[in-house]
């Protein structure tokens, strides 16, 4: 059963401290119920060539209606010229967990 009320919003950062600071700020602002921060290896086009860099990925669990506010907040806080900010719908999940997301991002 599809549930588009909730999404996972993802961004990346070039350092663990920056990623954790952003995660803390977003959760403190109640724009997400939680954030997961973990290392990744990214390969991408930038400045006309292929780049390969270690990065820190941050996944935010939130309500879809907060996507625009969360995207704007990330853009204001981020140091990248073009930060990744993508949202993917949560199509299913445990009812208690989804209710927790709703509760922690409401009000």
C-alpha atoms as a PDB file:
ATOM      1  CA  UNK A   1       0.000   0.000   0.000  1.00  0.00           C
ATOM      2  CA  UNK A   2       1.479   3.342  -1.063  1.00  0.00           C
ATOM      3  CA  UNK A   3       1.860   6.089   1.493  1.00  0.00           C
ATOM      4  CA  UNK A   4       3.081   9.377   0.048  1.00  0.00           C
ATOM      5  CA  UNK A   5       2.623  11.266   3.312  1.00  0.00           C
ATOM      6  CA  UNK A   6       6.227  10.455   4.260  1.00  0.00           C
ATOM      7  CA  UNK A   7       9.529  10.826   2.405  1.00  0.00           C
ATOM      8  CA  UNK A   8      13.256  10.336   2.797  1.00  0.00           C
ATOM      9  CA  UNK A   9      15.226  13.423   1.780  1.00  0.00           C
ATOM     10  CA  UNK A  10      18.893  12.881   0.979  1.00  0.00           C
ATOM     11  CA  UNK A  11      21.836  15.247   0.781  1.00  0.00           C
ATOM     12  CA  UNK A  12      25.612  14.860   0.950  1.00  0.00           C
ATOM     13  CA  UNK A  13      28.463  16.794   2.550  1.00  0.00           C
ATOM     14  CA  UNK A  14      32.230  16.757   2.167  1.00  0.00           C
ATOM     15  CA  UNK A  15      32.893  16.264   5.866  1.00  0.00           C
ATOM     16  CA  UNK A  16      31.459  14.302   8.758  1.00  0.00           C
ATOM     17  CA  UNK A  17      31.294  17.302  11.099  1.00  0.00           C
ATOM     18  CA  UNK A  18      29.349  19.347   8.532  1.00  0.00           C
ATOM     19  CA  UNK A  19      26.967  16.471   7.843  1.00  0.00           C
ATOM     20  CA  UNK A  20      26.310  15.889  11.546  1.00  0.00           C
ATOM     21  CA  UNK A  21      25.815  19.612  12.180  1.00  0.00           C
ATOM     22  CA  UNK A  22      23.274  19.804   9.375  1.00  0.00           C
ATOM     23  CA  UNK A  23      21.495  16.678  10.649  1.00  0.00           C
ATOM     24  CA  UNK A  24      21.286  18.151  14.141  1.00  0.00           C
ATOM     25  CA  UNK A  25      20.001  21.499  12.871  1.00  0.00           C
ATOM     26  CA  UNK A  26      17.290  19.913  10.740  1.00  0.00           C
ATOM     27  CA  UNK A  27      16.057  17.652  13.536  1.00  0.00           C
ATOM     28  CA  UNK A  28      16.192  20.516  16.047  1.00  0.00           C
ATOM     29  CA  UNK A  29      14.017  22.604  13.671  1.00  0.00           C
ATOM     30  CA  UNK A  30      11.549  19.660  13.528  1.00  0.00           C
ATOM     31  CA  UNK A  31      11.903  19.488   9.735  1.00  0.00           C
ATOM     32  CA  UNK A  32      12.708  15.781  10.108  1.00  0.00           C
ATOM     33  CA  UNK A  33      12.115  13.223  12.831  1.00  0.00           C
ATOM     34  CA  UNK A  34      15.573  11.750  12.427  1.00  0.00           C
ATOM     35  CA  UNK A  35      18.668  11.813  10.258  1.00  0.00           C
ATOM     36  CA  UNK A  36      21.137   9.096   9.441  1.00  0.00           C
ATOM     37  CA  UNK A  37      24.712  10.095   8.617  1.00  0.00           C
ATOM     38  CA  UNK A  38      27.151   7.706   6.981  1.00  0.00           C
ATOM     39  CA  UNK A  39      30.227   7.706   4.698  1.00  0.00           C
ATOM     40  CA  UNK A  40      29.927   7.074   0.971  1.00  0.00           C
ATOM     41  CA  UNK A  41      32.124   7.294  -2.109  1.00  0.00           C
ATOM     42  CA  UNK A  42      30.726   9.553  -4.840  1.00  0.00           C
ATOM     43  CA  UNK A  43      31.597   9.633  -8.541  1.00  0.00           C
ATOM     44  CA  UNK A  44      30.089  12.514 -10.527  1.00  0.00           C
ATOM     45  CA  UNK A  45      30.539  15.089 -13.305  1.00  0.00           C
ATOM     46  CA  UNK A  46      31.671  18.527 -12.121  1.00  0.00           C
ATOM     47  CA  UNK A  47      33.573  21.283 -13.899  1.00  0.00           C
ATOM     48  CA  UNK A  48      33.652  19.273 -17.118  1.00  0.00           C
ATOM     49  CA  UNK A  49      35.268  16.151 -15.726  1.00  0.00           C
ATOM     50  CA  UNK A  50      34.620  13.067 -13.652  1.00  0.00           C
ATOM     51  CA  UNK A  51      35.229  13.600  -9.962  1.00  0.00           C
ATOM     52  CA  UNK A  52      35.583  10.922  -7.275  1.00  0.00           C
ATOM     53  CA  UNK A  53      35.418  12.002  -3.658  1.00  0.00           C
ATOM     54  CA  UNK A  54      34.511  10.640  -0.249  1.00  0.00           C
ATOM     55  CA  UNK A  55      31.362  12.263   1.101  1.00  0.00           C
ATOM     56  CA  UNK A  56      28.944  11.925   3.994  1.00  0.00           C
ATOM     57  CA  UNK A  57      25.348  11.106   3.137  1.00  0.00           C
ATOM     58  CA  UNK A  58      22.494  12.362   5.280  1.00  0.00           C
ATOM     59  CA  UNK A  59      19.042  10.756   5.016  1.00  0.00           C
ATOM     60  CA  UNK A  60      16.194  12.654   6.658  1.00  0.00           C
ATOM     61  CA  UNK A  61      12.864  10.960   7.523  1.00  0.00           C
ATOM     62  CA  UNK A  62      10.050  13.482   7.294  1.00  0.00           C
ATOM     63  CA  UNK A  63       6.562  14.314   6.052  1.00  0.00           C
ATOM     64  CA  UNK A  64       6.187  15.119   2.348  1.00  0.00           C
ATOM     65  CA  UNK A  65       4.519  18.434   3.138  1.00  0.00           C
ATOM     66  CA  UNK A  66       7.801  19.604   4.710  1.00  0.00           C
ATOM     67  CA  UNK A  67       9.877  18.887   1.582  1.00  0.00           C
ATOM     68  CA  UNK A  68      10.000  22.470   0.300  1.00  0.00           C
ATOM     69  CA  UNK A  69      10.901  23.916   3.704  1.00  0.00           C
ATOM     70  CA  UNK A  70      13.525  21.218   4.259  1.00  0.00           C
ATOM     71  CA  UNK A  71      15.007  21.768   0.792  1.00  0.00           C
ATOM     72  CA  UNK A  72      15.249  25.523   1.409  1.00  0.00           C
ATOM     73  CA  UNK A  73      16.798  24.976   4.858  1.00  0.00           C
ATOM     74  CA  UNK A  74      19.421  22.603   3.449  1.00  0.00           C
ATOM     75  CA  UNK A  75      20.222  25.084   0.667  1.00  0.00           C
ATOM     76  CA  UNK A  76      20.722  27.899   3.192  1.00  0.00           C
ATOM     77  CA  UNK A  77      22.982  25.794   5.424  1.00  0.00           C
ATOM     78  CA  UNK A  78      24.981  23.968   2.752  1.00  0.00           C
ATOM     79  CA  UNK A  79      28.405  24.947   1.440  1.00  0.00           C
ATOM     80  CA  UNK A  80      28.157  23.276  -1.986  1.00  0.00           C
ATOM     81  CA  UNK A  81      27.345  25.382  -5.064  1.00  0.00           C
ATOM     82  CA  UNK A  82      24.763  22.783  -6.086  1.00  0.00           C
ATOM     83  CA  UNK A  83      23.924  20.536  -3.132  1.00  0.00           C
ATOM     84  CA  UNK A  84      22.142  17.287  -3.738  1.00  0.00           C
ATOM     85  CA  UNK A  85      18.660  17.431  -2.253  1.00  0.00           C
ATOM     86  CA  UNK A  86      16.347  14.643  -3.423  1.00  0.00           C
ATOM     87  CA  UNK A  87      13.223  13.196  -1.890  1.00  0.00           C
ATOM     88  CA  UNK A  88      11.920   9.672  -2.284  1.00  0.00           C
ATOM     89  CA  UNK A  89       8.468   8.638  -1.089  1.00  0.00           C
ATOM     90  CA  UNK A  90       8.168   6.063   1.660  1.00  0.00           C
ATOM     91  CA  UNK A  91       5.710   3.629   0.126  1.00  0.00           C
ATOM     92  CA  UNK A  92       5.301   1.405   3.162  1.00  0.00           C
ATOM     93  CA  UNK A  93       6.472   1.202   6.738  1.00  0.00           C
ATOM     94  CA  UNK A  94       5.485   0.134  10.207  1.00  0.00           C
ATOM     95  CA  UNK A  95       2.521   2.116  11.496  1.00  0.00           C
ATOM     96  CA  UNK A  96       4.201   3.007  14.825  1.00  0.00           C
ATOM     97  CA  UNK A  97       7.335   4.309  13.053  1.00  0.00           C
ATOM     98  CA  UNK A  98       5.361   6.397  10.576  1.00  0.00           C
ATOM     99  CA  UNK A  99       3.254   7.789  13.404  1.00  0.00           C
ATOM    100  CA  UNK A 100       6.483   8.683  15.231  1.00  0.00           C
ATOM    101  CA  UNK A 101       7.683  10.641  12.161  1.00  0.00           C
ATOM    102  CA  UNK A 102       4.322  12.431  12.033  1.00  0.00           C
ATOM    103  CA  UNK A 103       4.414  13.272  15.742  1.00  0.00           C
ATOM    104  CA  UNK A 104       8.025  14.501  15.773  1.00  0.00           C
ATOM    105  CA  UNK A 105       7.531  16.791  12.754  1.00  0.00           C
ATOM    106  CA  UNK A 106       4.159  18.280  13.718  1.00  0.00           C
ATOM    107  CA  UNK A 107       3.660  21.411  15.731  1.00  0.00           C
END
